[in-house]
Amino acid sequence: MTIIPDFGDDDESDRKFVLICSKGNLDMAYPALVLANAALGEGIETHLFFTFWGFDMITKSRMHDLQFSPVGNTAMHLPIKDKKLPQSLAPLPGMTALATKMMKQQIEDLGIPEVPDFLDQIVASGGHLWACRMSADMNNLTESDLRDDIDGIINATDFIEMTDGAQLLFI
């Protein structure tokens, strides 16, 4: 049984939810996408702001090749009987490819779309995708380098003004 607390706010029509996506790893992309999708399902205005390495999620040349690295992830466990991966093995050649393949298979088995398809779904549901101006400039990227459905490349000040009063998560 799930218990959802009631904080007395019955008017959800003006709620805004903002996710700042700063990481381009496969394991950091999905939490933002799942939360954005859930918020949209609840009818909440949803914005994703991509900055720094989060740009990998929306850059045409990289968005299909996000990876999951077990290096430094002490909680990494294999999908076989909850066996932990010894950290001494994580930096070995091929481990990132293996961990990425395993994670992608687990995601596929759950029926969750790949990152570009998930972003398509979020946009189709009314979600907004924004790119950080400073990050775009640092990476020498223009709108033509990014997904076609990006709402724009904007600076942090404009984003803060646009999302005034929003619930904010930094991932």
N, C-alpha and C. Protein backbone atom coordinates (compact mmCIF):
# COMPACT_ATOMS: atom_id res chain seq x y z
N MET A 1 0.84 -1.18 0.00
CA MET A 1 0.00 0.00 0.00
C MET A 1 0.90 1.25 0.00
N THR A 2 0.63 2.16 -0.90
CA THR A 2 1.38 3.39 -0.99
C THR A 2 0.62 4.51 -0.29
N ILE A 3 1.30 5.23 0.56
CA ILE A 3 0.68 6.36 1.24
C ILE A 3 1.29 7.63 0.68
N ILE A 4 0.42 8.49 0.17
CA ILE A 4 0.87 9.77 -0.38
C ILE A 4 0.44 10.86 0.59
N PRO A 5 1.39 11.61 1.13
CA PRO A 5 1.03 12.64 2.10
C PRO A 5 0.20 13.75 1.46
N ASP A 6 -0.72 14.29 2.22
CA ASP A 6 -1.54 15.41 1.77
C ASP A 6 -1.02 16.66 2.48
N PHE A 7 -0.50 17.59 1.69
CA PHE A 7 0.04 18.82 2.26
C PHE A 7 -0.96 19.96 2.16
N GLY A 8 -2.22 19.62 1.82
CA GLY A 8 -3.27 20.63 1.80
C GLY A 8 -3.32 21.49 0.56
N ASP A 9 -2.51 21.20 -0.45
CA ASP A 9 -2.50 22.00 -1.68
C ASP A 9 -3.31 21.27 -2.74
N ASP A 10 -4.57 21.67 -2.88
CA ASP A 10 -5.44 21.01 -3.85
C ASP A 10 -5.30 21.60 -5.25
N ASP A 11 -4.75 22.80 -5.38
CA ASP A 11 -4.64 23.44 -6.69
C ASP A 11 -3.29 23.12 -7.31
N GLU A 12 -3.26 22.09 -8.17
CA GLU A 12 -2.01 21.69 -8.81
C GLU A 12 -1.88 22.26 -10.22
N SER A 13 -2.85 23.04 -10.66
CA SER A 13 -2.86 23.49 -12.04
C SER A 13 -1.70 24.41 -12.38
N ASP A 14 -1.11 25.06 -11.41
CA ASP A 14 -0.02 25.99 -11.70
C ASP A 14 1.34 25.46 -11.26
N ARG A 15 1.42 24.16 -10.97
CA ARG A 15 2.70 23.58 -10.54
C ARG A 15 3.67 23.52 -11.70
N LYS A 16 4.93 23.75 -11.39
CA LYS A 16 6.02 23.62 -12.35
C LYS A 16 7.07 22.70 -11.74
N PHE A 17 7.64 21.87 -12.59
CA PHE A 17 8.68 20.95 -12.15
C PHE A 17 9.86 21.12 -13.10
N VAL A 18 11.03 21.33 -12.53
CA VAL A 18 12.24 21.59 -13.31
C VAL A 18 13.31 20.57 -12.93
N LEU A 19 13.91 19.98 -13.95
CA LEU A 19 15.03 19.07 -13.74
C LEU A 19 16.24 19.64 -14.45
N ILE A 20 17.32 19.81 -13.72
CA ILE A 20 18.57 20.27 -14.31
C ILE A 20 19.41 19.03 -14.55
N CYS A 21 19.65 18.73 -15.81
CA CYS A 21 20.38 17.52 -16.22
C CYS A 21 21.82 17.90 -16.50
N SER A 22 22.72 17.54 -15.56
CA SER A 22 24.11 17.95 -15.68
C SER A 22 25.05 16.79 -15.99
N LYS A 23 24.51 15.59 -16.08
CA LYS A 23 25.35 14.41 -16.32
C LYS A 23 24.87 13.69 -17.57
N GLY A 24 25.81 13.18 -18.35
CA GLY A 24 25.48 12.48 -19.58
C GLY A 24 25.64 10.98 -19.50
N ASN A 25 25.81 10.45 -18.30
CA ASN A 25 25.92 9.00 -18.13
C ASN A 25 24.53 8.39 -18.27
N LEU A 26 24.51 7.16 -18.71
CA LEU A 26 23.25 6.44 -18.86
C LEU A 26 22.50 6.36 -17.53
N ASP A 27 23.23 6.08 -16.45
CA ASP A 27 22.59 5.93 -15.14
C ASP A 27 22.15 7.26 -14.54
N MET A 28 22.61 8.38 -15.06
CA MET A 28 22.15 9.68 -14.58
C MET A 28 21.08 10.27 -15.48
N ALA A 29 20.96 9.78 -16.70
CA ALA A 29 19.93 10.26 -17.61
C ALA A 29 18.55 9.77 -17.19
N TYR A 30 18.46 8.50 -16.85
CA TYR A 30 17.15 7.91 -16.58
C TYR A 30 16.41 8.47 -15.37
N PRO A 31 17.07 8.79 -14.26
CA PRO A 31 16.29 9.38 -13.16
C PRO A 31 15.56 10.65 -13.58
N ALA A 32 16.22 11.52 -14.34
CA ALA A 32 15.58 12.75 -14.80
C ALA A 32 14.42 12.44 -15.74
N LEU A 33 14.62 11.51 -16.65
CA LEU A 33 13.58 11.20 -17.63
C LEU A 33 12.37 10.54 -16.98
N VAL A 34 12.61 9.64 -16.05
CA VAL A 34 11.50 8.98 -15.34
C VAL A 34 10.71 10.00 -14.53
N LEU A 35 11.41 10.88 -13.83
CA LEU A 35 10.72 11.90 -13.03
C LEU A 35 9.96 12.89 -13.91
N ALA A 36 10.56 13.30 -15.01
CA ALA A 36 9.87 14.22 -15.94
C ALA A 36 8.61 13.57 -16.48
N ASN A 37 8.72 12.32 -16.87
CA ASN A 37 7.57 11.59 -17.40
C ASN A 37 6.46 11.48 -16.35
N ALA A 38 6.85 11.19 -15.11
CA ALA A 38 5.86 11.07 -14.03
C ALA A 38 5.17 12.41 -13.78
N ALA A 39 5.94 13.49 -13.78
CA ALA A 39 5.35 14.82 -13.57
C ALA A 39 4.36 15.15 -14.68
N LEU A 40 4.73 14.88 -15.91
CA LEU A 40 3.82 15.15 -17.03
C LEU A 40 2.56 14.30 -16.90
N GLY A 41 2.70 13.06 -16.44
CA GLY A 41 1.55 12.20 -16.24
C GLY A 41 0.59 12.74 -15.18
N GLU A 42 1.12 13.54 -14.27
CA GLU A 42 0.29 14.18 -13.24
C GLU A 42 -0.23 15.54 -13.68
N GLY A 43 0.08 15.92 -14.92
CA GLY A 43 -0.40 17.20 -15.44
C GLY A 43 0.41 18.40 -14.99
N ILE A 44 1.64 18.16 -14.57
CA ILE A 44 2.50 19.24 -14.07
C ILE A 44 3.36 19.78 -15.21
N GLU A 45 3.41 21.09 -15.34
CA GLU A 45 4.28 21.73 -16.35
C GLU A 45 5.72 21.33 -16.03
N THR A 46 6.41 20.78 -17.05
CA THR A 46 7.73 20.18 -16.82
C THR A 46 8.77 20.74 -17.78
N HIS A 47 9.92 21.12 -17.22
CA HIS A 47 11.04 21.66 -17.99
C HIS A 47 12.30 20.89 -17.64
N LEU A 48 13.10 20.54 -18.65
CA LEU A 48 14.41 19.94 -18.43
C LEU A 48 15.44 20.91 -18.97
N PHE A 49 16.44 21.22 -18.16
CA PHE A 49 17.50 22.15 -18.52
C PHE A 49 18.80 21.36 -18.59
N PHE A 50 19.40 21.29 -19.77
CA PHE A 50 20.60 20.48 -19.99
C PHE A 50 21.83 21.36 -19.92
N THR A 51 22.77 20.97 -19.09
CA THR A 51 23.98 21.75 -18.90
C THR A 51 25.18 20.81 -18.73
N PHE A 52 26.37 21.33 -18.95
CA PHE A 52 27.61 20.57 -18.87
C PHE A 52 27.48 19.23 -19.58
N TRP A 53 27.78 18.11 -18.92
CA TRP A 53 27.77 16.81 -19.59
C TRP A 53 26.37 16.32 -19.90
N GLY A 54 25.37 16.95 -19.33
CA GLY A 54 23.98 16.62 -19.66
C GLY A 54 23.68 16.88 -21.13
N PHE A 55 24.52 17.71 -21.76
CA PHE A 55 24.37 17.98 -23.19
C PHE A 55 24.46 16.71 -24.02
N ASP A 56 25.16 15.69 -23.52
CA ASP A 56 25.26 14.43 -24.26
C ASP A 56 23.89 13.83 -24.52
N MET A 57 22.93 14.10 -23.65
CA MET A 57 21.58 13.56 -23.81
C MET A 57 20.84 14.19 -24.99
N ILE A 58 21.24 15.40 -25.39
CA ILE A 58 20.50 16.11 -26.44
C ILE A 58 21.35 16.44 -27.66
N THR A 59 22.63 16.07 -27.65
CA THR A 59 23.50 16.32 -28.79
C THR A 59 23.35 15.17 -29.79
N LYS A 60 22.96 15.50 -31.00
CA LYS A 60 22.67 14.49 -32.02
C LYS A 60 23.78 13.47 -32.18
N SER A 61 25.03 13.91 -32.14
CA SER A 61 26.15 13.00 -32.38
C SER A 61 26.46 12.09 -31.19
N ARG A 62 25.89 12.37 -30.01
CA ARG A 62 26.23 11.59 -28.82
C ARG A 62 25.03 10.95 -28.12
N MET A 63 23.83 11.39 -28.42
CA MET A 63 22.67 10.96 -27.62
C MET A 63 22.33 9.48 -27.74
N HIS A 64 22.82 8.81 -28.77
CA HIS A 64 22.55 7.38 -28.94
C HIS A 64 23.65 6.51 -28.31
N ASP A 65 24.69 7.13 -27.77
CA ASP A 65 25.84 6.38 -27.26
C ASP A 65 26.16 6.68 -25.80
N LEU A 66 25.15 6.97 -24.99
CA LEU A 66 25.41 7.20 -23.57
C LEU A 66 25.88 5.90 -22.94
N GLN A 67 26.79 6.02 -21.98
CA GLN A 67 27.38 4.83 -21.36
C GLN A 67 27.20 4.85 -19.85
N PHE A 68 27.40 3.70 -19.27
CA PHE A 68 27.39 3.55 -17.82
C PHE A 68 28.75 3.01 -17.41
N SER A 69 29.47 3.75 -16.59
CA SER A 69 30.79 3.32 -16.14
C SER A 69 30.72 2.81 -14.71
N PRO A 70 31.23 1.61 -14.47
CA PRO A 70 31.25 1.10 -13.09
C PRO A 70 32.39 1.69 -12.26
N VAL A 71 33.30 2.43 -12.88
CA VAL A 71 34.43 3.01 -12.15
C VAL A 71 33.91 4.02 -11.12
N GLY A 72 34.28 3.83 -9.88
CA GLY A 72 33.87 4.75 -8.83
C GLY A 72 32.46 4.50 -8.31
N ASN A 73 31.75 3.54 -8.89
CA ASN A 73 30.41 3.23 -8.44
C ASN A 73 30.47 2.03 -7.50
N THR A 74 30.67 2.31 -6.24
CA THR A 74 30.86 1.23 -5.26
C THR A 74 29.58 0.42 -5.04
N ALA A 75 28.46 0.93 -5.48
CA ALA A 75 27.20 0.21 -5.33
C ALA A 75 26.90 -0.68 -6.53
N MET A 76 27.75 -0.66 -7.52
CA MET A 76 27.54 -1.44 -8.73
C MET A 76 27.39 -2.91 -8.39
N HIS A 77 26.29 -3.48 -8.85
CA HIS A 77 26.13 -4.92 -8.68
C HIS A 77 25.67 -5.53 -9.99
N LEU A 78 25.99 -6.77 -10.16
CA LEU A 78 25.66 -7.48 -11.38
C LEU A 78 24.21 -7.96 -11.30
N PRO A 79 23.55 -8.10 -12.44
CA PRO A 79 22.16 -8.54 -12.41
C PRO A 79 22.01 -10.04 -12.13
N ILE A 80 23.07 -10.65 -11.63
CA ILE A 80 23.06 -12.08 -11.33
C ILE A 80 23.11 -12.26 -9.82
N LYS A 81 22.01 -12.60 -9.22
CA LYS A 81 21.94 -12.89 -7.78
C LYS A 81 22.53 -11.78 -6.92
N ASP A 82 22.40 -10.53 -7.36
CA ASP A 82 22.83 -9.37 -6.58
C ASP A 82 24.31 -9.42 -6.18
N LYS A 83 25.13 -9.97 -7.03
CA LYS A 83 26.58 -10.04 -6.77
C LYS A 83 27.19 -8.65 -7.02
N LYS A 84 28.04 -8.23 -6.12
CA LYS A 84 28.73 -6.95 -6.26
C LYS A 84 29.91 -7.09 -7.21
N LEU A 85 30.18 -6.04 -7.96
CA LEU A 85 31.34 -6.03 -8.83
C LEU A 85 32.52 -5.48 -8.02
N PRO A 86 33.57 -6.24 -7.86
CA PRO A 86 34.73 -5.72 -7.12
C PRO A 86 35.29 -4.46 -7.81
N GLN A 87 35.53 -3.42 -7.05
CA GLN A 87 36.03 -2.16 -7.61
C GLN A 87 37.35 -2.34 -8.34
N SER A 88 38.13 -3.34 -7.97
CA SER A 88 39.42 -3.55 -8.64
C SER A 88 39.21 -3.98 -10.10
N LEU A 89 38.05 -4.51 -10.44
CA LEU A 89 37.77 -4.93 -11.82
C LEU A 89 37.17 -3.81 -12.67
N ALA A 90 36.58 -2.81 -12.03
CA ALA A 90 35.86 -1.76 -12.75
C ALA A 90 36.69 -1.04 -13.83
N PRO A 91 37.97 -0.72 -13.58
CA PRO A 91 38.73 0.01 -14.60
C PRO A 91 39.30 -0.86 -15.73
N LEU A 92 39.09 -2.16 -15.67
CA LEU A 92 39.64 -3.03 -16.71
C LEU A 92 39.03 -2.70 -18.07
N PRO A 93 39.81 -2.87 -19.14
CA PRO A 93 39.27 -2.62 -20.48
C PRO A 93 38.02 -3.45 -20.74
N GLY A 94 37.03 -2.82 -21.30
CA GLY A 94 35.79 -3.51 -21.66
C GLY A 94 34.72 -3.49 -20.58
N MET A 95 35.05 -3.07 -19.36
CA MET A 95 34.06 -3.09 -18.28
C MET A 95 32.96 -2.05 -18.49
N THR A 96 33.30 -0.87 -19.02
CA THR A 96 32.27 0.13 -19.29
C THR A 96 31.32 -0.39 -20.36
N ALA A 97 31.85 -1.00 -21.40
CA ALA A 97 31.00 -1.56 -22.46
C ALA A 97 30.10 -2.66 -21.90
N LEU A 98 30.65 -3.51 -21.05
CA LEU A 98 29.86 -4.59 -20.46
C LEU A 98 28.77 -4.03 -19.55
N ALA A 99 29.13 -3.09 -18.68
CA ALA A 99 28.16 -2.50 -17.76
C ALA A 99 27.06 -1.76 -18.54
N THR A 100 27.45 -1.06 -19.60
CA THR A 100 26.47 -0.35 -20.44
C THR A 100 25.51 -1.34 -21.08
N LYS A 101 26.05 -2.41 -21.63
CA LYS A 101 25.21 -3.42 -22.28
C LYS A 101 24.23 -4.04 -21.28
N MET A 102 24.73 -4.36 -20.09
CA MET A 102 23.87 -4.95 -19.06
C MET A 102 22.75 -3.99 -18.65
N MET A 103 23.11 -2.72 -18.44
CA MET A 103 22.10 -1.75 -18.02
C MET A 103 21.07 -1.53 -19.12
N LYS A 104 21.52 -1.41 -20.36
CA LYS A 104 20.58 -1.22 -21.47
C LYS A 104 19.64 -2.41 -21.60
N GLN A 105 20.15 -3.61 -21.36
CA GLN A 105 19.29 -4.80 -21.44
C GLN A 105 18.25 -4.79 -20.32
N GLN A 106 18.67 -4.43 -19.13
CA GLN A 106 17.72 -4.36 -18.01
C GLN A 106 16.63 -3.32 -18.29
N ILE A 107 17.02 -2.18 -18.84
CA ILE A 107 16.06 -1.12 -19.17
C ILE A 107 15.09 -1.60 -20.24
N GLU A 108 15.63 -2.25 -21.27
CA GLU A 108 14.80 -2.78 -22.34
C GLU A 108 13.83 -3.84 -21.80
N ASP A 109 14.31 -4.71 -20.93
CA ASP A 109 13.47 -5.75 -20.35
C ASP A 109 12.29 -5.17 -19.57
N LEU A 110 12.45 -3.98 -19.04
CA LEU A 110 11.38 -3.31 -18.30
C LEU A 110 10.44 -2.53 -19.23
N GLY A 111 10.77 -2.50 -20.53
CA GLY A 111 9.92 -1.78 -21.48
C GLY A 111 10.12 -0.27 -21.46
N ILE A 112 11.24 0.16 -20.93
CA ILE A 112 11.55 1.59 -20.86
C ILE A 112 12.29 1.97 -22.13
N PRO A 113 11.88 3.06 -22.78
CA PRO A 113 12.54 3.44 -24.03
C PRO A 113 13.97 3.93 -23.83
N GLU A 114 14.75 3.86 -24.91
CA GLU A 114 16.10 4.43 -24.87
C GLU A 114 16.00 5.94 -24.72
N VAL A 115 17.08 6.57 -24.32
CA VAL A 115 17.07 8.00 -23.98
C VAL A 115 16.47 8.87 -25.09
N PRO A 116 16.91 8.78 -26.36
CA PRO A 116 16.30 9.66 -27.37
C PRO A 116 14.79 9.43 -27.54
N ASP A 117 14.37 8.17 -27.47
CA ASP A 117 12.94 7.87 -27.58
C ASP A 117 12.16 8.36 -26.37
N PHE A 118 12.77 8.28 -25.20
CA PHE A 118 12.14 8.76 -23.97
C PHE A 118 11.97 10.28 -24.06
N LEU A 119 12.98 10.98 -24.58
CA LEU A 119 12.86 12.43 -24.76
C LEU A 119 11.77 12.76 -25.77
N ASP A 120 11.64 11.96 -26.84
CA ASP A 120 10.54 12.14 -27.80
C ASP A 120 9.20 12.07 -27.07
N GLN A 121 9.08 11.07 -26.23
CA GLN A 121 7.84 10.86 -25.48
C GLN A 121 7.55 12.03 -24.54
N ILE A 122 8.57 12.53 -23.88
CA ILE A 122 8.42 13.66 -22.96
C ILE A 122 7.95 14.91 -23.71
N VAL A 123 8.57 15.18 -24.86
CA VAL A 123 8.17 16.34 -25.66
C VAL A 123 6.74 16.17 -26.17
N ALA A 124 6.40 14.97 -26.64
CA ALA A 124 5.05 14.71 -27.14
C ALA A 124 3.99 14.88 -26.05
N SER A 125 4.42 14.71 -24.79
CA SER A 125 3.50 14.86 -23.66
C SER A 125 3.46 16.30 -23.14
N GLY A 126 4.18 17.20 -23.78
CA GLY A 126 4.15 18.61 -23.38
C GLY A 126 5.35 19.09 -22.61
N GLY A 127 6.36 18.25 -22.43
CA GLY A 127 7.56 18.66 -21.71
C GLY A 127 8.41 19.61 -22.55
N HIS A 128 9.19 20.41 -21.87
CA HIS A 128 10.05 21.40 -22.53
C HIS A 128 11.52 21.07 -22.30
N LEU A 129 12.31 21.14 -23.36
CA LEU A 129 13.75 20.87 -23.30
C LEU A 129 14.50 22.16 -23.58
N TRP A 130 15.38 22.53 -22.66
CA TRP A 130 16.16 23.76 -22.79
C TRP A 130 17.64 23.43 -22.69
N ALA A 131 18.44 24.13 -23.46
CA ALA A 131 19.89 23.96 -23.44
C ALA A 131 20.53 25.20 -22.82
N CYS A 132 21.56 24.98 -22.03
CA CYS A 132 22.28 26.06 -21.35
C CYS A 132 23.22 26.78 -22.33
N ARG A 133 23.09 28.08 -22.40
CA ARG A 133 23.91 28.89 -23.31
C ARG A 133 25.40 28.73 -23.01
N MET A 134 25.79 28.82 -21.73
CA MET A 134 27.21 28.73 -21.39
C MET A 134 27.78 27.37 -21.80
N SER A 135 27.04 26.30 -21.53
CA SER A 135 27.51 24.97 -21.90
C SER A 135 27.61 24.80 -23.41
N ALA A 136 26.65 25.37 -24.12
CA ALA A 136 26.69 25.30 -25.59
C ALA A 136 27.93 26.03 -26.10
N ASP A 137 28.20 27.20 -25.55
CA ASP A 137 29.38 27.97 -25.97
C ASP A 137 30.68 27.25 -25.61
N MET A 138 30.74 26.66 -24.43
CA MET A 138 31.95 25.94 -24.00
C MET A 138 32.24 24.75 -24.92
N ASN A 139 31.18 24.12 -25.43
CA ASN A 139 31.33 22.94 -26.28
C ASN A 139 31.26 23.26 -27.77
N ASN A 140 31.21 24.56 -28.10
CA ASN A 140 31.11 25.00 -29.49
C ASN A 140 29.93 24.33 -30.20
N LEU A 141 28.78 24.30 -29.54
CA LEU A 141 27.58 23.69 -30.10
C LEU A 141 26.55 24.76 -30.44
N THR A 142 25.82 24.52 -31.52
CA THR A 142 24.73 25.40 -31.92
C THR A 142 23.44 24.60 -31.91
N GLU A 143 22.32 25.26 -32.13
CA GLU A 143 21.04 24.55 -32.15
C GLU A 143 21.02 23.43 -33.18
N SER A 144 21.75 23.60 -34.28
CA SER A 144 21.76 22.55 -35.32
C SER A 144 22.46 21.27 -34.84
N ASP A 145 23.29 21.37 -33.79
CA ASP A 145 23.97 20.20 -33.24
C ASP A 145 23.07 19.43 -32.27
N LEU A 146 21.98 20.05 -31.87
CA LEU A 146 21.11 19.48 -30.84
C LEU A 146 19.84 18.90 -31.44
N ARG A 147 19.12 18.16 -30.63
CA ARG A 147 17.82 17.61 -31.04
C ARG A 147 16.98 18.72 -31.65
N ASP A 148 16.17 18.37 -32.61
CA ASP A 148 15.34 19.36 -33.29
C ASP A 148 14.22 19.91 -32.40
N ASP A 149 13.88 19.21 -31.34
CA ASP A 149 12.76 19.64 -30.49
C ASP A 149 13.19 20.42 -29.25
N ILE A 150 14.45 20.87 -29.22
CA ILE A 150 14.90 21.74 -28.13
C ILE A 150 14.13 23.06 -28.25
N ASP A 151 13.60 23.54 -27.12
CA ASP A 151 12.87 24.80 -27.14
C ASP A 151 13.79 25.99 -27.36
N GLY A 152 15.06 25.84 -27.04
CA GLY A 152 16.01 26.91 -27.28
C GLY A 152 17.25 26.77 -26.42
N ILE A 153 18.25 27.56 -26.78
CA ILE A 153 19.46 27.67 -25.97
C ILE A 153 19.33 29.00 -25.23
N ILE A 154 19.27 28.91 -23.90
CA ILE A 154 19.03 30.12 -23.11
C ILE A 154 20.06 30.21 -21.98
N ASN A 155 20.21 31.42 -21.46
CA ASN A 155 21.15 31.58 -20.35
C ASN A 155 20.47 31.25 -19.02
N ALA A 156 21.26 31.08 -18.00
CA ALA A 156 20.75 30.65 -16.70
C ALA A 156 19.76 31.66 -16.13
N THR A 157 20.02 32.94 -16.31
CA THR A 157 19.12 33.97 -15.78
C THR A 157 17.73 33.85 -16.40
N ASP A 158 17.68 33.67 -17.72
CA ASP A 158 16.38 33.52 -18.38
C ASP A 158 15.67 32.26 -17.89
N PHE A 159 16.42 31.20 -17.69
CA PHE A 159 15.82 29.96 -17.22
C PHE A 159 15.25 30.13 -15.82
N ILE A 160 15.98 30.81 -14.95
CA ILE A 160 15.50 31.05 -13.58
C ILE A 160 14.22 31.88 -13.61
N GLU A 161 14.19 32.91 -14.43
CA GLU A 161 12.99 33.75 -14.54
C GLU A 161 11.81 32.94 -15.07
N MET A 162 12.05 32.14 -16.08
CA MET A 162 11.00 31.35 -16.73
C MET A 162 10.39 30.33 -15.78
N THR A 163 11.19 29.81 -14.87
CA THR A 163 10.73 28.73 -14.00
C THR A 163 10.52 29.20 -12.56
N ASP A 164 10.24 30.46 -12.40
CA ASP A 164 10.00 31.05 -11.07
C ASP A 164 8.93 30.25 -10.32
N GLY A 165 9.25 29.89 -9.10
CA GLY A 165 8.30 29.17 -8.26
C GLY A 165 8.24 27.67 -8.50
N ALA A 166 9.08 27.15 -9.37
CA ALA A 166 9.05 25.73 -9.70
C ALA A 166 9.72 24.88 -8.64
N GLN A 167 9.29 23.63 -8.58
CA GLN A 167 10.00 22.62 -7.80
C GLN A 167 11.22 22.23 -8.63
N LEU A 168 12.40 22.21 -8.03
CA LEU A 168 13.64 22.04 -8.77
C LEU A 168 14.43 20.83 -8.26
N LEU A 169 14.93 20.04 -9.22
CA LEU A 169 15.83 18.93 -8.91
C LEU A 169 17.06 19.05 -9.78
N PHE A 170 18.22 18.88 -9.19
CA PHE A 170 19.50 18.93 -9.90
C PHE A 170 20.02 17.50 -9.97
N ILE A 171 20.15 16.98 -11.18
CA ILE A 171 20.60 15.59 -11.36
C ILE A 171 21.88 15.58 -12.19
